[in-house]
Amino acid sequence: MSSRSVYGTIILTVSRKTAASSKGLAILESYYEASDDRYIVDEITLKHRKNGNQIKIRVHNVKISWNEFEKGRIKNESI
């Protein structure tokens, strides 16, 4: 069996809970918590919502921006 790799892009909109007293502090705290110095994203696991099947995907590049909501670039919609 041959082994092949394919490359693509997955764009995730993420959120996190925070006890910060202001939006600015929440953004600062979130940048710190998910900074490159604290976490290295090597792979992610995607889990199917209905049947629970999982697949692992290797991560090659990460860009996290917590203030995109303020800039109006991402619609704040719940799933």
PDB file of N, CA and C in Angstrom:
ATOM      1  N   MET A   1       0.842  -1.167   0.000  1.00  0.00           N
ATOM      2  CA  MET A   1       0.000   0.000   0.000  1.00  0.00           C
ATOM      3  C   MET A   1       0.898   1.244   0.000  1.00  0.00           C
ATOM      4  N   SER A   2       0.638   2.151  -0.919  1.00  0.00           N
ATOM      5  CA  SER A   2       1.451   3.362  -0.968  1.00  0.00           C
ATOM      6  C   SER A   2       0.887   4.414  -0.016  1.00  0.00           C
ATOM      7  N   SER A   3       1.764   5.267   0.439  1.00  0.00           N
ATOM      8  CA  SER A   3       1.378   6.324   1.369  1.00  0.00           C
ATOM      9  C   SER A   3       1.501   7.670   0.673  1.00  0.00           C
ATOM     10  N   ARG A   4       0.453   8.437   0.672  1.00  0.00           N
ATOM     11  CA  ARG A   4       0.452   9.750   0.028  1.00  0.00           C
ATOM     12  C   ARG A   4      -0.005  10.799   1.025  1.00  0.00           C
ATOM     13  N   SER A   5       0.481  11.998   0.842  1.00  0.00           N
ATOM     14  CA  SER A   5       0.032  13.123   1.649  1.00  0.00           C
ATOM     15  C   SER A   5      -0.641  14.133   0.737  1.00  0.00           C
ATOM     16  N   VAL A   6      -1.714  14.700   1.202  1.00  0.00           N
ATOM     17  CA  VAL A   6      -2.360  15.793   0.502  1.00  0.00           C
ATOM     18  C   VAL A   6      -2.370  16.987   1.453  1.00  0.00           C
ATOM     19  N   TYR A   7      -2.300  18.172   0.893  1.00  0.00           N
ATOM     20  CA  TYR A   7      -2.254  19.386   1.698  1.00  0.00           C
ATOM     21  C   TYR A   7      -3.468  20.235   1.385  1.00  0.00           C
ATOM     22  N   GLY A   8      -4.025  20.856   2.392  1.00  0.00           N
ATOM     23  CA  GLY A   8      -5.189  21.704   2.223  1.00  0.00           C
ATOM     24  C   GLY A   8      -5.253  22.730   3.330  1.00  0.00           C
ATOM     25  N   THR A   9      -6.356  23.427   3.391  1.00  0.00           N
ATOM     26  CA  THR A   9      -6.561  24.456   4.399  1.00  0.00           C
ATOM     27  C   THR A   9      -7.898  24.226   5.085  1.00  0.00           C
ATOM     28  N   ILE A  10      -7.888  24.276   6.403  1.00  0.00           N
ATOM     29  CA  ILE A  10      -9.106  24.241   7.196  1.00  0.00           C
ATOM     30  C   ILE A  10      -9.138  25.537   7.985  1.00  0.00           C
ATOM     31  N   ILE A  11     -10.212  26.275   7.852  1.00  0.00           N
ATOM     32  CA  ILE A  11     -10.352  27.527   8.595  1.00  0.00           C
ATOM     33  C   ILE A  11     -11.331  27.277   9.730  1.00  0.00           C
ATOM     34  N   LEU A  12     -10.864  27.471  10.946  1.00  0.00           N
ATOM     35  CA  LEU A  12     -11.681  27.244  12.128  1.00  0.00           C
ATOM     36  C   LEU A  12     -11.993  28.581  12.792  1.00  0.00           C
ATOM     37  N   THR A  13     -13.204  28.757  13.216  1.00  0.00           N
ATOM     38  CA  THR A  13     -13.556  29.884  14.063  1.00  0.00           C
ATOM     39  C   THR A  13     -13.661  29.317  15.470  1.00  0.00           C
ATOM     40  N   VAL A  14     -12.857  29.824  16.374  1.00  0.00           N
ATOM     41  CA  VAL A  14     -12.767  29.251  17.714  1.00  0.00           C
ATOM     42  C   VAL A  14     -13.228  30.265  18.758  1.00  0.00           C
ATOM     43  N   SER A  15     -13.527  29.750  19.938  1.00  0.00           N
ATOM     44  CA  SER A  15     -13.881  30.619  21.054  1.00  0.00           C
ATOM     45  C   SER A  15     -13.336  30.003  22.330  1.00  0.00           C
ATOM     46  N   ARG A  16     -13.276  30.791  23.364  1.00  0.00           N
ATOM     47  CA  ARG A  16     -12.883  30.283  24.677  1.00  0.00           C
ATOM     48  C   ARG A  16     -13.551  31.123  25.744  1.00  0.00           C
ATOM     49  N   LYS A  17     -13.840  30.494  26.853  1.00  0.00           N
ATOM     50  CA  LYS A  17     -14.448  31.205  27.979  1.00  0.00           C
ATOM     51  C   LYS A  17     -13.352  31.896  28.773  1.00  0.00           C
ATOM     52  N   THR A  18     -13.661  33.074  29.300  1.00  0.00           N
ATOM     53  CA  THR A  18     -12.707  33.816  30.100  1.00  0.00           C
ATOM     54  C   THR A  18     -13.454  34.567  31.195  1.00  0.00           C
ATOM     55  N   ALA A  19     -12.786  34.796  32.296  1.00  0.00           N
ATOM     56  CA  ALA A  19     -13.379  35.547  33.409  1.00  0.00           C
ATOM     57  C   ALA A  19     -12.890  36.993  33.407  1.00  0.00           C
ATOM     58  N   ALA A  20     -12.268  37.432  32.322  1.00  0.00           N
ATOM     59  CA  ALA A  20     -11.729  38.792  32.246  1.00  0.00           C
ATOM     60  C   ALA A  20     -12.853  39.816  32.383  1.00  0.00           C
ATOM     61  N   SER A  21     -12.503  40.976  32.932  1.00  0.00           N
ATOM     62  CA  SER A  21     -13.506  42.008  33.206  1.00  0.00           C
ATOM     63  C   SER A  21     -13.816  42.893  32.001  1.00  0.00           C
ATOM     64  N   SER A  22     -13.033  42.775  30.931  1.00  0.00           N
ATOM     65  CA  SER A  22     -13.294  43.582  29.739  1.00  0.00           C
ATOM     66  C   SER A  22     -12.917  42.773  28.498  1.00  0.00           C
ATOM     67  N   LYS A  23     -13.427  43.207  27.354  1.00  0.00           N
ATOM     68  CA  LYS A  23     -13.111  42.523  26.103  1.00  0.00           C
ATOM     69  C   LYS A  23     -11.619  42.603  25.802  1.00  0.00           C
ATOM     70  N   GLY A  24     -11.004  43.757  26.057  1.00  0.00           N
ATOM     71  CA  GLY A  24      -9.571  43.918  25.823  1.00  0.00           C
ATOM     72  C   GLY A  24      -8.743  42.951  26.648  1.00  0.00           C
ATOM     73  N   LEU A  25      -9.081  42.793  27.923  1.00  0.00           N
ATOM     74  CA  LEU A  25      -8.357  41.843  28.774  1.00  0.00           C
ATOM     75  C   LEU A  25      -8.613  40.407  28.337  1.00  0.00           C
ATOM     76  N   ALA A  26      -9.824  40.121  27.873  1.00  0.00           N
ATOM     77  CA  ALA A  26     -10.138  38.776  27.393  1.00  0.00           C
ATOM     78  C   ALA A  26      -9.285  38.432  26.178  1.00  0.00           C
ATOM     79  N   ILE A  27      -9.128  39.386  25.268  1.00  0.00           N
ATOM     80  CA  ILE A  27      -8.298  39.161  24.082  1.00  0.00           C
ATOM     81  C   ILE A  27      -6.845  38.959  24.479  1.00  0.00           C
ATOM     82  N   LEU A  28      -6.337  39.803  25.368  1.00  0.00           N
ATOM     83  CA  LEU A  28      -4.951  39.677  25.832  1.00  0.00           C
ATOM     84  C   LEU A  28      -4.722  38.329  26.510  1.00  0.00           C
ATOM     85  N   GLU A  29      -5.630  37.940  27.373  1.00  0.00           N
ATOM     86  CA  GLU A  29      -5.522  36.653  28.067  1.00  0.00           C
ATOM     87  C   GLU A  29      -5.539  35.493  27.070  1.00  0.00           C
ATOM     88  N   SER A  30      -6.402  35.589  26.061  1.00  0.00           N
ATOM     89  CA  SER A  30      -6.508  34.523  25.073  1.00  0.00           C
ATOM     90  C   SER A  30      -5.251  34.400  24.232  1.00  0.00           C
ATOM     91  N   TYR A  31      -4.662  35.528  23.836  1.00  0.00           N
ATOM     92  CA  TYR A  31      -3.384  35.484  23.113  1.00  0.00           C
ATOM     93  C   TYR A  31      -2.323  34.791  23.955  1.00  0.00           C
ATOM     94  N   TYR A  32      -2.247  35.153  25.240  1.00  0.00           N
ATOM     95  CA  TYR A  32      -1.245  34.555  26.121  1.00  0.00           C
ATOM     96  C   TYR A  32      -1.479  33.048  26.270  1.00  0.00           C
ATOM     97  N   GLU A  33      -2.719  32.657  26.532  1.00  0.00           N
ATOM     98  CA  GLU A  33      -3.025  31.249  26.768  1.00  0.00           C
ATOM     99  C   GLU A  33      -2.706  30.370  25.565  1.00  0.00           C
ATOM    100  N   ALA A  34      -2.894  30.879  24.360  1.00  0.00           N
ATOM    101  CA  ALA A  34      -2.683  30.060  23.154  1.00  0.00           C
ATOM    102  C   ALA A  34      -1.409  30.447  22.411  1.00  0.00           C
ATOM    103  N   SER A  35      -0.482  31.097  23.086  1.00  0.00           N
ATOM    104  CA  SER A  35       0.732  31.569  22.412  1.00  0.00           C
ATOM    105  C   SER A  35       1.636  30.408  22.011  1.00  0.00           C
ATOM    106  N   ASP A  36       2.502  30.678  21.065  1.00  0.00           N
ATOM    107  CA  ASP A  36       3.447  29.666  20.584  1.00  0.00           C
ATOM    108  C   ASP A  36       4.371  29.173  21.685  1.00  0.00           C
ATOM    109  N   ASP A  37       4.647  30.013  22.676  1.00  0.00           N
ATOM    110  CA  ASP A  37       5.548  29.619  23.756  1.00  0.00           C
ATOM    111  C   ASP A  37       4.915  28.584  24.679  1.00  0.00           C
ATOM    112  N   ARG A  38       3.598  28.561  24.739  1.00  0.00           N
ATOM    113  CA  ARG A  38       2.899  27.662  25.660  1.00  0.00           C
ATOM    114  C   ARG A  38       2.430  26.377  24.988  1.00  0.00           C
ATOM    115  N   TYR A  39       1.979  26.468  23.748  1.00  0.00           N
ATOM    116  CA  TYR A  39       1.432  25.308  23.046  1.00  0.00           C
ATOM    117  C   TYR A  39       2.054  25.199  21.666  1.00  0.00           C
ATOM    118  N   ILE A  40       2.325  23.965  21.283  1.00  0.00           N
ATOM    119  CA  ILE A  40       2.762  23.679  19.923  1.00  0.00           C
ATOM    120  C   ILE A  40       1.664  22.823  19.298  1.00  0.00           C
ATOM    121  N   VAL A  41       1.028  23.343  18.264  1.00  0.00           N
ATOM    122  CA  VAL A  41      -0.030  22.590  17.604  1.00  0.00           C
ATOM    123  C   VAL A  41       0.630  21.701  16.563  1.00  0.00           C
ATOM    124  N   ASP A  42       0.603  20.414  16.812  1.00  0.00           N
ATOM    125  CA  ASP A  42       1.229  19.433  15.935  1.00  0.00           C
ATOM    126  C   ASP A  42       0.188  18.709  15.094  1.00  0.00           C
ATOM    127  N   GLU A  43      -0.936  18.379  15.726  1.00  0.00           N
ATOM    128  CA  GLU A  43      -2.023  17.757  15.013  1.00  0.00           C
ATOM    129  C   GLU A  43      -3.330  18.064  15.738  1.00  0.00           C
ATOM    130  N   ILE A  44      -4.421  17.958  14.995  1.00  0.00           N
ATOM    131  CA  ILE A  44      -5.730  18.138  15.590  1.00  0.00           C
ATOM    132  C   ILE A  44      -6.564  16.900  15.290  1.00  0.00           C
ATOM    133  N   THR A  45      -7.536  16.667  16.121  1.00  0.00           N
ATOM    134  CA  THR A  45      -8.461  15.567  15.906  1.00  0.00           C
ATOM    135  C   THR A  45      -9.827  16.152  15.592  1.00  0.00           C
ATOM    136  N   LEU A  46     -10.388  15.744  14.469  1.00  0.00           N
ATOM    137  CA  LEU A  46     -11.733  16.157  14.100  1.00  0.00           C
ATOM    138  C   LEU A  46     -12.687  15.038  14.476  1.00  0.00           C
ATOM    139  N   LYS A  47     -13.786  15.409  15.146  1.00  0.00           N
ATOM    140  CA  LYS A  47     -14.765  14.425  15.607  1.00  0.00           C
ATOM    141  C   LYS A  47     -16.110  14.714  14.943  1.00  0.00           C
ATOM    142  N   HIS A  48     -16.679  13.708  14.316  1.00  0.00           N
ATOM    143  CA  HIS A  48     -17.978  13.842  13.663  1.00  0.00           C
ATOM    144  C   HIS A  48     -19.043  14.090  14.734  1.00  0.00           C
ATOM    145  N   ARG A  49     -19.881  15.085  14.495  1.00  0.00           N
ATOM    146  CA  ARG A  49     -20.882  15.468  15.498  1.00  0.00           C
ATOM    147  C   ARG A  49     -21.883  14.375  15.817  1.00  0.00           C
ATOM    148  N   LYS A  50     -22.291  13.625  14.828  1.00  0.00           N
ATOM    149  CA  LYS A  50     -23.370  12.650  15.034  1.00  0.00           C
ATOM    150  C   LYS A  50     -22.871  11.262  15.408  1.00  0.00           C
ATOM    151  N   ASN A  51     -21.908  10.740  14.662  1.00  0.00           N
ATOM    152  CA  ASN A  51     -21.508   9.354  14.913  1.00  0.00           C
ATOM    153  C   ASN A  51     -20.220   9.216  15.733  1.00  0.00           C
ATOM    154  N   GLY A  52     -19.538  10.309  16.030  1.00  0.00           N
ATOM    155  CA  GLY A  52     -18.361  10.250  16.892  1.00  0.00           C
ATOM    156  C   GLY A  52     -17.089   9.778  16.213  1.00  0.00           C
ATOM    157  N   ASN A  53     -17.134   9.440  14.912  1.00  0.00           N
ATOM    158  CA  ASN A  53     -15.908   9.033  14.213  1.00  0.00           C
ATOM    159  C   ASN A  53     -14.874  10.146  14.299  1.00  0.00           C
ATOM    160  N   GLN A  54     -13.609   9.761  14.405  1.00  0.00           N
ATOM    161  CA  GLN A  54     -12.526  10.734  14.533  1.00  0.00           C
ATOM    162  C   GLN A  54     -11.453  10.503  13.486  1.00  0.00           C
ATOM    163  N   ILE A  55     -10.858  11.605  13.024  1.00  0.00           N
ATOM    164  CA  ILE A  55      -9.678  11.532  12.166  1.00  0.00           C
ATOM    165  C   ILE A  55      -8.638  12.518  12.690  1.00  0.00           C
ATOM    166  N   LYS A  56      -7.377  12.169  12.562  1.00  0.00           N
ATOM    167  CA  LYS A  56      -6.285  13.055  12.973  1.00  0.00           C
ATOM    168  C   LYS A  56      -5.699  13.730  11.755  1.00  0.00           C
ATOM    169  N   ILE A  57      -5.427  15.022  11.884  1.00  0.00           N
ATOM    170  CA  ILE A  57      -4.871  15.815  10.797  1.00  0.00           C
ATOM    171  C   ILE A  57      -3.621  16.516  11.308  1.00  0.00           C
ATOM    172  N   ARG A  58      -2.536  16.400  10.574  1.00  0.00           N
ATOM    173  CA  ARG A  58      -1.279  17.075  10.934  1.00  0.00           C
ATOM    174  C   ARG A  58      -1.385  18.560  10.625  1.00  0.00           C
ATOM    175  N   VAL A  59      -0.894  19.392  11.526  1.00  0.00           N
ATOM    176  CA  VAL A  59      -0.947  20.848  11.368  1.00  0.00           C
ATOM    177  C   VAL A  59       0.430  21.345  10.947  1.00  0.00           C
ATOM    178  N   HIS A  60       0.483  22.149   9.892  1.00  0.00           N
ATOM    179  CA  HIS A  60       1.747  22.672   9.385  1.00  0.00           C
ATOM    180  C   HIS A  60       1.940  24.150   9.688  1.00  0.00           C
ATOM    181  N   ASN A  61       0.845  24.882   9.858  1.00  0.00           N
ATOM    182  CA  ASN A  61       0.938  26.318  10.101  1.00  0.00           C
ATOM    183  C   ASN A  61      -0.264  26.741  10.941  1.00  0.00           C
ATOM    184  N   VAL A  62      -0.029  27.631  11.902  1.00  0.00           N
ATOM    185  CA  VAL A  62      -1.108  28.103  12.769  1.00  0.00           C
ATOM    186  C   VAL A  62      -1.059  29.623  12.843  1.00  0.00           C
ATOM    187  N   LYS A  63      -2.224  30.229  12.697  1.00  0.00           N
ATOM    188  CA  LYS A  63      -2.363  31.672  12.915  1.00  0.00           C
ATOM    189  C   LYS A  63      -3.596  31.867  13.774  1.00  0.00           C
ATOM    190  N   ILE A  64      -3.420  32.441  14.949  1.00  0.00           N
ATOM    191  CA  ILE A  64      -4.535  32.666  15.857  1.00  0.00           C
ATOM    192  C   ILE A  64      -4.734  34.162  16.010  1.00  0.00           C
ATOM    193  N   SER A  65      -5.965  34.607  15.828  1.00  0.00           N
ATOM    194  CA  SER A  65      -6.285  36.015  16.013  1.00  0.00           C
ATOM    195  C   SER A  65      -7.584  36.108  16.791  1.00  0.00           C
ATOM    196  N   TRP A  66      -7.519  36.619  18.001  1.00  0.00           N
ATOM    197  CA  TRP A  66      -8.690  36.682  18.863  1.00  0.00           C
ATOM    198  C   TRP A  66      -9.522  37.929  18.631  1.00  0.00           C
ATOM    199  N   ASN A  67      -9.033  38.897  17.898  1.00  0.00           N
ATOM    200  CA  ASN A  67      -9.781  40.146  17.755  1.00  0.00           C
ATOM    201  C   ASN A  67     -10.449  40.291  16.395  1.00  0.00           C
ATOM    202  N   GLU A  68     -10.560  39.225  15.624  1.00  0.00           N
ATOM    203  CA  GLU A  68     -11.212  39.306  14.326  1.00  0.00           C
ATOM    204  C   GLU A  68     -12.693  39.644  14.464  1.00  0.00           C
ATOM    205  N   PHE A  69     -13.318  39.235  15.571  1.00  0.00           N
ATOM    206  CA  PHE A  69     -14.726  39.559  15.780  1.00  0.00           C
ATOM    207  C   PHE A  69     -14.913  41.068  15.859  1.00  0.00           C
ATOM    208  N   GLU A  70     -13.999  41.758  16.544  1.00  0.00           N
ATOM    209  CA  GLU A  70     -14.098  43.210  16.683  1.00  0.00           C
ATOM    210  C   GLU A  70     -13.954  43.918  15.351  1.00  0.00           C
ATOM    211  N   LYS A  71     -13.151  43.365  14.470  1.00  0.00           N
ATOM    212  CA  LYS A  71     -12.899  43.993  13.177  1.00  0.00           C
ATOM    213  C   LYS A  71     -14.007  43.703  12.177  1.00  0.00           C
ATOM    214  N   GLY A  72     -14.968  42.872  12.558  1.00  0.00           N
ATOM    215  CA  GLY A  72     -16.087  42.562  11.678  1.00  0.00           C
ATOM    216  C   GLY A  72     -15.756  41.581  10.570  1.00  0.00           C
ATOM    217  N   ARG A  73     -14.635  40.891  10.685  1.00  0.00           N
ATOM    218  CA  ARG A  73     -14.239  39.956   9.626  1.00  0.00           C
ATOM    219  C   ARG A  73     -14.920  38.601   9.781  1.00  0.00           C
ATOM    220  N   ILE A  74     -15.359  38.287  10.997  1.00  0.00           N
ATOM    221  CA  ILE A  74     -15.995  37.008  11.243  1.00  0.00           C
ATOM    222  C   ILE A  74     -17.366  37.285  11.855  1.00  0.00           C
ATOM    223  N   LYS A  75     -18.375  36.604  11.335  1.00  0.00           N
ATOM    224  CA  LYS A  75     -19.713  36.728  11.908  1.00  0.00           C
ATOM    225  C   LYS A  75     -19.792  35.858  13.150  1.00  0.00           C
ATOM    226  N   ASN A  76     -20.302  36.399  14.217  1.00  0.00           N
ATOM    227  CA  ASN A  76     -20.434  35.663  15.466  1.00  0.00           C
ATOM    228  C   ASN A  76     -21.727  34.864  15.432  1.00  0.00           C
ATOM    229  N   GLU A  77     -21.643  33.641  14.947  1.00  0.00           N
ATOM    230  CA  GLU A  77     -22.811  32.782  14.829  1.00  0.00           C
ATOM    231  C   GLU A  77     -22.595  31.539  15.669  1.00  0.00           C
ATOM    232  N   SER A  78     -23.612  31.118  16.360  1.00  0.00           N
ATOM    233  CA  SER A  78     -23.492  29.886  17.123  1.00  0.00           C
ATOM    234  C   SER A  78     -23.867  28.696  16.250  1.00  0.00           C
ATOM    235  N   ILE A  79     -23.272  27.575  16.542  1.00  0.00           N
ATOM    236  CA  ILE A  79     -23.479  26.369  15.730  1.00  0.00           C
ATOM    237  C   ILE A  79     -24.569  25.545  16.383  1.00  0.00           C
TER     238      ILE A  79
END
